[in-house]
Amino acid sequence: MTNANIVLDSAKRIDERTSHAIAAAQLRGEARAPGGRPREMIRGIAVELERLGLRPNLPELARRYNAGRTRLPAWLADRDRTTT
Protein backbone atom coordinates (compact mmCIF):
# COMPACT_ATOMS: atom_id res chain seq x y z
CA MET A 1 0.00 0.00 0.00
CA THR A 2 1.10 3.55 -0.65
CA ASN A 3 -0.10 7.02 0.23
CA ALA A 4 -2.77 8.48 -1.99
CA ASN A 5 -1.75 9.60 -5.43
CA ILE A 6 -1.43 13.37 -5.68
CA VAL A 7 -3.89 13.57 -8.61
CA LEU A 8 -6.66 12.17 -6.42
CA ASP A 9 -8.80 14.19 -4.06
CA SER A 10 -8.47 11.73 -1.20
CA ALA A 11 -6.14 10.90 1.65
CA LYS A 12 -7.05 7.22 1.25
CA ARG A 13 -4.20 4.78 0.81
CA ILE A 14 -4.01 2.96 -2.51
CA ASP A 15 -2.39 -0.29 -3.52
CA GLU A 16 0.10 -0.80 -6.34
CA ARG A 17 -2.54 -2.10 -8.74
CA THR A 18 -4.67 1.02 -8.24
CA SER A 19 -1.58 3.19 -8.67
CA HIS A 20 -0.95 1.58 -12.06
CA ALA A 21 -4.60 2.09 -13.04
CA ILE A 22 -4.30 5.78 -12.13
CA ALA A 23 -1.19 6.17 -14.29
CA ALA A 24 -2.96 4.47 -17.20
CA ALA A 25 -6.00 6.74 -16.71
CA GLN A 26 -3.73 9.78 -16.89
CA LEU A 27 -2.19 8.56 -20.13
CA ARG A 28 -5.62 7.85 -21.66
CA GLY A 29 -6.83 11.28 -20.59
CA GLU A 30 -3.81 12.97 -22.12
CA ALA A 31 -4.34 11.05 -25.36
CA ARG A 32 -7.94 12.31 -25.57
CA ALA A 33 -6.83 15.97 -25.61
CA PRO A 34 -6.86 17.40 -29.12
CA GLY A 35 -3.65 19.30 -29.72
CA GLY A 36 -2.45 18.66 -26.19
CA ARG A 37 -4.36 21.61 -24.75
CA PRO A 38 -4.05 21.68 -20.93
CA ARG A 39 -7.74 22.14 -20.16
CA GLU A 40 -8.69 19.28 -22.45
CA MET A 41 -6.06 17.06 -20.82
CA ILE A 42 -7.45 17.86 -17.38
CA ARG A 43 -10.96 17.08 -18.53
CA GLY A 44 -9.86 13.81 -20.13
CA ILE A 45 -7.91 12.72 -17.06
CA ALA A 46 -10.78 13.65 -14.75
CA VAL A 47 -13.20 11.57 -16.81
CA GLU A 48 -10.85 8.59 -16.84
CA LEU A 49 -10.28 8.77 -13.08
CA GLU A 50 -14.01 9.02 -12.44
CA ARG A 51 -14.55 5.90 -14.56
CA LEU A 52 -12.32 4.12 -12.05
CA GLY A 53 -14.55 5.38 -9.25
CA LEU A 54 -11.95 7.90 -8.08
CA ARG A 55 -12.25 11.63 -7.47
CA PRO A 56 -9.60 13.73 -9.25
CA ASN A 57 -7.70 16.51 -7.51
CA LEU A 58 -8.57 19.25 -9.99
CA PRO A 59 -6.33 22.02 -8.59
CA GLU A 60 -3.34 19.68 -8.72
CA LEU A 61 -4.12 18.62 -12.27
CA ALA A 62 -4.43 22.30 -13.27
CA ARG A 63 -1.06 23.01 -11.67
CA ARG A 64 0.62 20.04 -13.36
CA TYR A 65 -0.67 20.92 -16.79
CA ASN A 66 -0.14 24.67 -16.40
CA ALA A 67 -3.81 25.38 -16.94
CA GLY A 68 -3.98 28.05 -14.29
CA ARG A 69 -6.88 28.12 -11.90
CA THR A 70 -8.58 31.06 -13.57
CA ARG A 71 -8.52 29.34 -16.95
CA LEU A 72 -10.27 26.14 -15.85
CA PRO A 73 -13.52 25.34 -17.64
CA ALA A 74 -16.62 26.22 -15.65
CA TRP A 75 -17.54 22.56 -15.07
CA LEU A 76 -14.16 21.98 -13.38
CA ALA A 77 -14.13 25.19 -11.38
CA ASP A 78 -17.69 24.68 -10.13
CA ARG A 79 -16.96 21.10 -9.20
CA ASP A 80 -13.79 22.05 -7.37
CA ARG A 81 -15.72 24.52 -5.22
CA THR A 82 -18.41 21.99 -4.30
CA THR A 83 -16.02 19.15 -3.39
CA THR A 84 -13.64 21.07 -1.12
PDB file of N, CA and C in Angstrom:
ATOM      1  N   MET A   1       0.846  -1.182   0.000  1.00  0.00           N
ATOM      2  CA  MET A   1       0.000   0.000   0.000  1.00  0.00           C
ATOM      3  C   MET A   1       0.892   1.245   0.000  1.00  0.00           C
ATOM      4  N   THR A   2       0.371   2.293  -0.577  1.00  0.00           N
ATOM      5  CA  THR A   2       1.102   3.555  -0.652  1.00  0.00           C
ATOM      6  C   THR A   2       0.165   4.702  -0.288  1.00  0.00           C
ATOM      7  N   ASN A   3       0.741   5.856  -0.033  1.00  0.00           N
ATOM      8  CA  ASN A   3      -0.096   7.020   0.227  1.00  0.00           C
ATOM      9  C   ASN A   3      -0.853   7.384  -1.033  1.00  0.00           C
ATOM     10  N   ALA A   4      -1.919   8.116  -0.861  1.00  0.00           N
ATOM     11  CA  ALA A   4      -2.773   8.481  -1.988  1.00  0.00           C
ATOM     12  C   ALA A   4      -1.975   9.183  -3.080  1.00  0.00           C
ATOM     13  N   ASN A   5      -2.362   8.942  -4.291  1.00  0.00           N
ATOM     14  CA  ASN A   5      -1.753   9.595  -5.434  1.00  0.00           C
ATOM     15  C   ASN A   5      -2.135  11.060  -5.422  1.00  0.00           C
ATOM     16  N   ILE A   6      -1.212  11.926  -5.764  1.00  0.00           N
ATOM     17  CA  ILE A   6      -1.432  13.366  -5.681  1.00  0.00           C
ATOM     18  C   ILE A   6      -2.517  13.864  -6.638  1.00  0.00           C
ATOM     19  N   VAL A   7      -2.833  13.120  -7.693  1.00  0.00           N
ATOM     20  CA  VAL A   7      -3.887  13.572  -8.614  1.00  0.00           C
ATOM     21  C   VAL A   7      -5.279  13.167  -8.143  1.00  0.00           C
ATOM     22  N   LEU A   8      -5.364  12.527  -6.982  1.00  0.00           N
ATOM     23  CA  LEU A   8      -6.662  12.168  -6.422  1.00  0.00           C
ATOM     24  C   LEU A   8      -7.025  13.110  -5.291  1.00  0.00           C
ATOM     25  N   ASP A   9      -8.297  13.345  -5.138  1.00  0.00           N
ATOM     26  CA  ASP A   9      -8.796  14.187  -4.056  1.00  0.00           C
ATOM     27  C   ASP A   9      -9.206  13.285  -2.898  1.00  0.00           C
ATOM     28  N   SER A  10      -8.202  12.666  -2.284  1.00  0.00           N
ATOM     29  CA  SER A  10      -8.472  11.732  -1.204  1.00  0.00           C
ATOM     30  C   SER A  10      -7.183  11.458  -0.449  1.00  0.00           C
ATOM     31  N   ALA A  11      -7.288  11.267   0.850  1.00  0.00           N
ATOM     32  CA  ALA A  11      -6.136  10.898   1.655  1.00  0.00           C
ATOM     33  C   ALA A  11      -6.077   9.381   1.830  1.00  0.00           C
ATOM     34  N   LYS A  12      -6.974   8.686   1.162  1.00  0.00           N
ATOM     35  CA  LYS A  12      -7.054   7.224   1.250  1.00  0.00           C
ATOM     36  C   LYS A  12      -5.790   6.585   0.685  1.00  0.00           C
ATOM     37  N   ARG A  13      -5.367   5.511   1.301  1.00  0.00           N
ATOM     38  CA  ARG A  13      -4.204   4.782   0.809  1.00  0.00           C
ATOM     39  C   ARG A  13      -4.625   3.908  -0.374  1.00  0.00           C
ATOM     40  N   ILE A  14      -3.716   3.757  -1.318  1.00  0.00           N
ATOM     41  CA  ILE A  14      -4.008   2.958  -2.505  1.00  0.00           C
ATOM     42  C   ILE A  14      -2.953   1.872  -2.661  1.00  0.00           C
ATOM     43  N   ASP A  15      -3.344   0.784  -3.297  1.00  0.00           N
ATOM     44  CA  ASP A  15      -2.390  -0.293  -3.522  1.00  0.00           C
ATOM     45  C   ASP A  15      -1.679  -0.088  -4.860  1.00  0.00           C
ATOM     46  N   GLU A  16      -0.713  -0.937  -5.126  1.00  0.00           N
ATOM     47  CA  GLU A  16       0.099  -0.796  -6.336  1.00  0.00           C
ATOM     48  C   GLU A  16      -0.739  -0.963  -7.604  1.00  0.00           C
ATOM     49  N   ARG A  17      -1.688  -1.873  -7.571  1.00  0.00           N
ATOM     50  CA  ARG A  17      -2.543  -2.101  -8.737  1.00  0.00           C
ATOM     51  C   ARG A  17      -3.356  -0.844  -9.067  1.00  0.00           C
ATOM     52  N   THR A  18      -3.908  -0.209  -8.030  1.00  0.00           N
ATOM     53  CA  THR A  18      -4.669   1.019  -8.240  1.00  0.00           C
ATOM     54  C   THR A  18      -3.753   2.127  -8.746  1.00  0.00           C
ATOM     55  N   SER A  19      -2.548   2.180  -8.223  1.00  0.00           N
ATOM     56  CA  SER A  19      -1.579   3.189  -8.667  1.00  0.00           C
ATOM     57  C   SER A  19      -1.292   3.048 -10.159  1.00  0.00           C
ATOM     58  N   HIS A  20      -1.172   1.824 -10.633  1.00  0.00           N
ATOM     59  CA  HIS A  20      -0.951   1.580 -12.065  1.00  0.00           C
ATOM     60  C   HIS A  20      -2.187   1.988 -12.882  1.00  0.00           C
ATOM     61  N   ALA A  21      -3.361   1.710 -12.349  1.00  0.00           N
ATOM     62  CA  ALA A  21      -4.602   2.093 -13.035  1.00  0.00           C
ATOM     63  C   ALA A  21      -4.715   3.606 -13.138  1.00  0.00           C
ATOM     64  N   ILE A  22      -4.273   4.315 -12.108  1.00  0.00           N
ATOM     65  CA  ILE A  22      -4.303   5.784 -12.129  1.00  0.00           C
ATOM     66  C   ILE A  22      -3.359   6.309 -13.202  1.00  0.00           C
ATOM     67  N   ALA A  23      -2.155   5.744 -13.268  1.00  0.00           N
ATOM     68  CA  ALA A  23      -1.191   6.174 -14.286  1.00  0.00           C
ATOM     69  C   ALA A  23      -1.744   5.925 -15.689  1.00  0.00           C
ATOM     70  N   ALA A  24      -2.374   4.778 -15.894  1.00  0.00           N
ATOM     71  CA  ALA A  24      -2.965   4.472 -17.199  1.00  0.00           C
ATOM     72  C   ALA A  24      -4.108   5.436 -17.519  1.00  0.00           C
ATOM     73  N   ALA A  25      -4.904   5.783 -16.509  1.00  0.00           N
ATOM     74  CA  ALA A  25      -6.001   6.737 -16.713  1.00  0.00           C
ATOM     75  C   ALA A  25      -5.455   8.098 -17.121  1.00  0.00           C
ATOM     76  N   GLN A  26      -4.339   8.506 -16.515  1.00  0.00           N
ATOM     77  CA  GLN A  26      -3.728   9.777 -16.891  1.00  0.00           C
ATOM     78  C   GLN A  26      -3.268   9.745 -18.348  1.00  0.00           C
ATOM     79  N   LEU A  27      -2.658   8.658 -18.743  1.00  0.00           N
ATOM     80  CA  LEU A  27      -2.193   8.557 -20.133  1.00  0.00           C
ATOM     81  C   LEU A  27      -3.363   8.561 -21.120  1.00  0.00           C
ATOM     82  N   ARG A  28      -4.444   7.850 -20.780  1.00  0.00           N
ATOM     83  CA  ARG A  28      -5.622   7.847 -21.656  1.00  0.00           C
ATOM     84  C   ARG A  28      -6.227   9.245 -21.739  1.00  0.00           C
ATOM     85  N   GLY A  29      -6.284   9.925 -20.606  1.00  0.00           N
ATOM     86  CA  GLY A  29      -6.825  11.283 -20.586  1.00  0.00           C
ATOM     87  C   GLY A  29      -5.996  12.244 -21.412  1.00  0.00           C
ATOM     88  N   GLU A  30      -4.694  12.124 -21.319  1.00  0.00           N
ATOM     89  CA  GLU A  30      -3.806  12.971 -22.124  1.00  0.00           C
ATOM     90  C   GLU A  30      -3.998  12.692 -23.608  1.00  0.00           C
ATOM     91  N   ALA A  31      -4.169  11.428 -23.951  1.00  0.00           N
ATOM     92  CA  ALA A  31      -4.336  11.052 -25.358  1.00  0.00           C
ATOM     93  C   ALA A  31      -5.643  11.581 -25.944  1.00  0.00           C
ATOM     94  N   ARG A  32      -6.644  11.813 -25.095  1.00  0.00           N
ATOM     95  CA  ARG A  32      -7.939  12.315 -25.566  1.00  0.00           C
ATOM     96  C   ARG A  32      -7.898  13.799 -25.924  1.00  0.00           C
ATOM     97  N   ALA A  33      -6.884  14.507 -25.454  1.00  0.00           N
ATOM     98  CA  ALA A  33      -6.826  15.967 -25.612  1.00  0.00           C
ATOM     99  C   ALA A  33      -6.367  16.347 -27.007  1.00  0.00           C
ATOM    100  N   PRO A  34      -7.259  16.964 -27.778  1.00  0.00           N
ATOM    101  CA  PRO A  34      -6.862  17.398 -29.120  1.00  0.00           C
ATOM    102  C   PRO A  34      -5.817  18.507 -29.035  1.00  0.00           C
ATOM    103  N   GLY A  35      -4.706  18.298 -29.700  1.00  0.00           N
ATOM    104  CA  GLY A  35      -3.653  19.303 -29.725  1.00  0.00           C
ATOM    105  C   GLY A  35      -2.902  19.462 -28.412  1.00  0.00           C
ATOM    106  N   GLY A  36      -3.149  18.595 -27.462  1.00  0.00           N
ATOM    107  CA  GLY A  36      -2.447  18.660 -26.190  1.00  0.00           C
ATOM    108  C   GLY A  36      -2.761  19.885 -25.355  1.00  0.00           C
ATOM    109  N   ARG A  37      -3.969  20.424 -25.521  1.00  0.00           N
ATOM    110  CA  ARG A  37      -4.360  21.608 -24.749  1.00  0.00           C
ATOM    111  C   ARG A  37      -4.559  21.222 -23.279  1.00  0.00           C
ATOM    112  N   PRO A  38      -4.001  22.023 -22.358  1.00  0.00           N
ATOM    113  CA  PRO A  38      -4.054  21.680 -20.932  1.00  0.00           C
ATOM    114  C   PRO A  38      -5.459  21.443 -20.394  1.00  0.00           C
ATOM    115  N   ARG A  39      -6.397  22.309 -20.708  1.00  0.00           N
ATOM    116  CA  ARG A  39      -7.742  22.140 -20.161  1.00  0.00           C
ATOM    117  C   ARG A  39      -8.393  20.870 -20.658  1.00  0.00           C
ATOM    118  N   GLU A  40      -8.141  20.520 -21.900  1.00  0.00           N
ATOM    119  CA  GLU A  40      -8.689  19.276 -22.446  1.00  0.00           C
ATOM    120  C   GLU A  40      -8.027  18.057 -21.798  1.00  0.00           C
ATOM    121  N   MET A  41      -6.734  18.169 -21.503  1.00  0.00           N
ATOM    122  CA  MET A  41      -6.058  17.062 -20.818  1.00  0.00           C
ATOM    123  C   MET A  41      -6.645  16.865 -19.436  1.00  0.00           C
ATOM    124  N   ILE A  42      -6.868  17.952 -18.721  1.00  0.00           N
ATOM    125  CA  ILE A  42      -7.447  17.863 -17.381  1.00  0.00           C
ATOM    126  C   ILE A  42      -8.819  17.210 -17.442  1.00  0.00           C
ATOM    127  N   ARG A  43      -9.614  17.655 -18.380  1.00  0.00           N
ATOM    128  CA  ARG A  43     -10.961  17.080 -18.527  1.00  0.00           C
ATOM    129  C   ARG A  43     -10.876  15.583 -18.837  1.00  0.00           C
ATOM    130  N   GLY A  44     -10.013  15.213 -19.767  1.00  0.00           N
ATOM    131  CA  GLY A  44      -9.859  13.806 -20.128  1.00  0.00           C
ATOM    132  C   GLY A  44      -9.384  12.956 -18.964  1.00  0.00           C
ATOM    133  N   ILE A  45      -8.420  13.457 -18.217  1.00  0.00           N
ATOM    134  CA  ILE A  45      -7.909  12.717 -17.059  1.00  0.00           C
ATOM    135  C   ILE A  45      -8.988  12.591 -15.994  1.00  0.00           C
ATOM    136  N   ALA A  46      -9.708  13.681 -15.749  1.00  0.00           N
ATOM    137  CA  ALA A  46     -10.777  13.654 -14.747  1.00  0.00           C
ATOM    138  C   ALA A  46     -11.826  12.609 -15.103  1.00  0.00           C
ATOM    139  N   VAL A  47     -12.210  12.558 -16.362  1.00  0.00           N
ATOM    140  CA  VAL A  47     -13.200  11.570 -16.812  1.00  0.00           C
ATOM    141  C   VAL A  47     -12.674  10.153 -16.604  1.00  0.00           C
ATOM    142  N   GLU A  48     -11.433   9.932 -16.985  1.00  0.00           N
ATOM    143  CA  GLU A  48     -10.851   8.594 -16.838  1.00  0.00           C
ATOM    144  C   GLU A  48     -10.748   8.180 -15.368  1.00  0.00           C
ATOM    145  N   LEU A  49     -10.361   9.094 -14.500  1.00  0.00           N
ATOM    146  CA  LEU A  49     -10.283   8.767 -13.078  1.00  0.00           C
ATOM    147  C   LEU A  49     -11.657   8.479 -12.501  1.00  0.00           C
ATOM    148  N   GLU A  50     -12.647   9.254 -12.919  1.00  0.00           N
ATOM    149  CA  GLU A  50     -14.014   9.016 -12.443  1.00  0.00           C
ATOM    150  C   GLU A  50     -14.535   7.660 -12.904  1.00  0.00           C
ATOM    151  N   ARG A  51     -14.140   7.221 -14.081  1.00  0.00           N
ATOM    152  CA  ARG A  51     -14.551   5.898 -14.560  1.00  0.00           C
ATOM    153  C   ARG A  51     -14.000   4.788 -13.674  1.00  0.00           C
ATOM    154  N   LEU A  52     -12.896   5.082 -12.985  1.00  0.00           N
ATOM    155  CA  LEU A  52     -12.318   4.121 -12.046  1.00  0.00           C
ATOM    156  C   LEU A  52     -12.965   4.235 -10.670  1.00  0.00           C
ATOM    157  N   GLY A  53     -13.893   5.176 -10.542  1.00  0.00           N
ATOM    158  CA  GLY A  53     -14.549   5.383  -9.251  1.00  0.00           C
ATOM    159  C   GLY A  53     -13.744   6.268  -8.317  1.00  0.00           C
ATOM    160  N   LEU A  54     -12.807   7.036  -8.870  1.00  0.00           N
ATOM    161  CA  LEU A  54     -11.946   7.898  -8.075  1.00  0.00           C
ATOM    162  C   LEU A  54     -12.301   9.364  -8.310  1.00  0.00           C
ATOM    163  N   ARG A  55     -11.959  10.199  -7.346  1.00  0.00           N
ATOM    164  CA  ARG A  55     -12.249  11.628  -7.473  1.00  0.00           C
ATOM    165  C   ARG A  55     -10.943  12.375  -7.746  1.00  0.00           C
ATOM    166  N   PRO A  56     -10.835  13.040  -8.902  1.00  0.00           N
ATOM    167  CA  PRO A  56      -9.597  13.730  -9.254  1.00  0.00           C
ATOM    168  C   PRO A  56      -9.364  14.977  -8.401  1.00  0.00           C
ATOM    169  N   ASN A  57      -8.107  15.285  -8.189  1.00  0.00           N
ATOM    170  CA  ASN A  57      -7.701  16.511  -7.505  1.00  0.00           C
ATOM    171  C   ASN A  57      -7.518  17.571  -8.596  1.00  0.00           C
ATOM    172  N   LEU A  58      -8.564  18.316  -8.869  1.00  0.00           N
ATOM    173  CA  LEU A  58      -8.566  19.253  -9.989  1.00  0.00           C
ATOM    174  C   LEU A  58      -7.540  20.381  -9.862  1.00  0.00           C
ATOM    175  N   PRO A  59      -7.369  20.985  -8.686  1.00  0.00           N
ATOM    176  CA  PRO A  59      -6.335  22.023  -8.587  1.00  0.00           C
ATOM    177  C   PRO A  59      -4.932  21.485  -8.883  1.00  0.00           C
ATOM    178  N   GLU A  60      -4.650  20.260  -8.440  1.00  0.00           N
ATOM    179  CA  GLU A  60      -3.338  19.682  -8.717  1.00  0.00           C
ATOM    180  C   GLU A  60      -3.172  19.374 -10.204  1.00  0.00           C
ATOM    181  N   LEU A  61      -4.207  18.869 -10.835  1.00  0.00           N
ATOM    182  CA  LEU A  61      -4.123  18.620 -12.274  1.00  0.00           C
ATOM    183  C   LEU A  61      -3.904  19.930 -13.033  1.00  0.00           C
ATOM    184  N   ALA A  62      -4.599  20.982 -12.629  1.00  0.00           N
ATOM    185  CA  ALA A  62      -4.429  22.296 -13.273  1.00  0.00           C
ATOM    186  C   ALA A  62      -2.996  22.787 -13.099  1.00  0.00           C
ATOM    187  N   ARG A  63      -2.439  22.592 -11.914  1.00  0.00           N
ATOM    188  CA  ARG A  63      -1.058  23.005 -11.673  1.00  0.00           C
ATOM    189  C   ARG A  63      -0.090  22.201 -12.546  1.00  0.00           C
ATOM    190  N   ARG A  64      -0.288  20.890 -12.583  1.00  0.00           N
ATOM    191  CA  ARG A  64       0.621  20.035 -13.357  1.00  0.00           C
ATOM    192  C   ARG A  64       0.605  20.340 -14.847  1.00  0.00           C
ATOM    193  N   TYR A  65      -0.548  20.686 -15.354  1.00  0.00           N
ATOM    194  CA  TYR A  65      -0.668  20.920 -16.792  1.00  0.00           C
ATOM    195  C   TYR A  65      -0.677  22.403 -17.144  1.00  0.00           C
ATOM    196  N   ASN A  66      -0.260  23.225 -16.187  1.00  0.00           N
ATOM    197  CA  ASN A  66      -0.142  24.673 -16.399  1.00  0.00           C
ATOM    198  C   ASN A  66      -1.406  25.296 -16.953  1.00  0.00           C
ATOM    199  N   ALA A  67      -2.538  24.844 -16.469  1.00  0.00           N
ATOM    200  CA  ALA A  67      -3.810  25.382 -16.945  1.00  0.00           C
ATOM    201  C   ALA A  67      -4.176  26.667 -16.226  1.00  0.00           C
ATOM    202  N   GLY A  68      -3.645  26.866 -15.065  1.00  0.00           N
ATOM    203  CA  GLY A  68      -3.982  28.054 -14.288  1.00  0.00           C
ATOM    204  C   GLY A  68      -5.402  27.978 -13.771  1.00  0.00           C
ATOM    205  N   ARG A  69      -5.576  28.243 -12.526  1.00  0.00           N
ATOM    206  CA  ARG A  69      -6.884  28.119 -11.897  1.00  0.00           C
ATOM    207  C   ARG A  69      -7.940  28.985 -12.560  1.00  0.00           C
ATOM    208  N   THR A  70      -7.583  30.176 -12.981  1.00  0.00           N
ATOM    209  CA  THR A  70      -8.582  31.063 -13.566  1.00  0.00           C
ATOM    210  C   THR A  70      -8.987  30.637 -14.970  1.00  0.00           C
ATOM    211  N   ARG A  71      -8.208  29.770 -15.588  1.00  0.00           N
ATOM    212  CA  ARG A  71      -8.524  29.340 -16.946  1.00  0.00           C
ATOM    213  C   ARG A  71      -9.240  27.992 -17.008  1.00  0.00           C
ATOM    214  N   LEU A  72      -9.557  27.418 -15.844  1.00  0.00           N
ATOM    215  CA  LEU A  72     -10.267  26.138 -15.851  1.00  0.00           C
ATOM    216  C   LEU A  72     -11.663  26.299 -16.432  1.00  0.00           C
ATOM    217  N   PRO A  73     -12.142  25.293 -17.151  1.00  0.00           N
ATOM    218  CA  PRO A  73     -13.519  25.342 -17.639  1.00  0.00           C
ATOM    219  C   PRO A  73     -14.494  25.429 -16.466  1.00  0.00           C
ATOM    220  N   ALA A  74     -15.636  26.009 -16.708  1.00  0.00           N
ATOM    221  CA  ALA A  74     -16.623  26.220 -15.653  1.00  0.00           C
ATOM    222  C   ALA A  74     -16.981  24.919 -14.945  1.00  0.00           C
ATOM    223  N   TRP A  75     -17.130  23.814 -15.705  1.00  0.00           N
ATOM    224  CA  TRP A  75     -17.536  22.560 -15.068  1.00  0.00           C
ATOM    225  C   TRP A  75     -16.484  22.078 -14.076  1.00  0.00           C
ATOM    226  N   LEU A  76     -15.199  22.377 -14.326  1.00  0.00           N
ATOM    227  CA  LEU A  76     -14.161  21.981 -13.385  1.00  0.00           C
ATOM    228  C   LEU A  76     -14.118  22.931 -12.197  1.00  0.00           C
ATOM    229  N   ALA A  77     -14.189  24.209 -12.456  1.00  0.00           N
ATOM    230  CA  ALA A  77     -14.125  25.192 -11.384  1.00  0.00           C
ATOM    231  C   ALA A  77     -15.306  25.036 -10.431  1.00  0.00           C
ATOM    232  N   ASP A  78     -16.507  24.860 -10.966  1.00  0.00           N
ATOM    233  CA  ASP A  78     -17.693  24.678 -10.134  1.00  0.00           C
ATOM    234  C   ASP A  78     -17.564  23.423  -9.287  1.00  0.00           C
ATOM    235  N   ARG A  79     -17.095  22.367  -9.885  1.00  0.00           N
ATOM    236  CA  ARG A  79     -16.957  21.097  -9.200  1.00  0.00           C
ATOM    237  C   ARG A  79     -15.925  21.178  -8.097  1.00  0.00           C
ATOM    238  N   ASP A  80     -14.841  21.891  -8.363  1.00  0.00           N
ATOM    239  CA  ASP A  80     -13.792  22.046  -7.374  1.00  0.00           C
ATOM    240  C   ASP A  80     -14.333  22.770  -6.139  1.00  0.00           C
ATOM    241  N   ARG A  81     -15.153  23.779  -6.335  1.00  0.00           N
ATOM    242  CA  ARG A  81     -15.721  24.523  -5.216  1.00  0.00           C
ATOM    243  C   ARG A  81     -16.681  23.700  -4.395  1.00  0.00           C
ATOM    244  N   THR A  82     -17.406  22.777  -5.029  1.00  0.00           N
ATOM    245  CA  THR A  82     -18.412  21.985  -4.302  1.00  0.00           C
ATOM    246  C   THR A  82     -17.808  20.770  -3.606  1.00  0.00           C
ATOM    247  N   THR A  83     -16.612  20.344  -3.990  1.00  0.00           N
ATOM    248  CA  THR A  83     -16.019  19.153  -3.394  1.00  0.00           C
ATOM    249  C   THR A  83     -14.994  19.477  -2.328  1.00  0.00           C
ATOM    250  N   THR A  84     -14.649  20.745  -2.131  1.00  0.00           N
ATOM    251  CA  THR A  84     -13.642  21.069  -1.118  1.00  0.00           C
ATOM    252  C   THR A  84     -14.285  21.612   0.114  1.00  0.00           C
TER     253      THR A  84
END
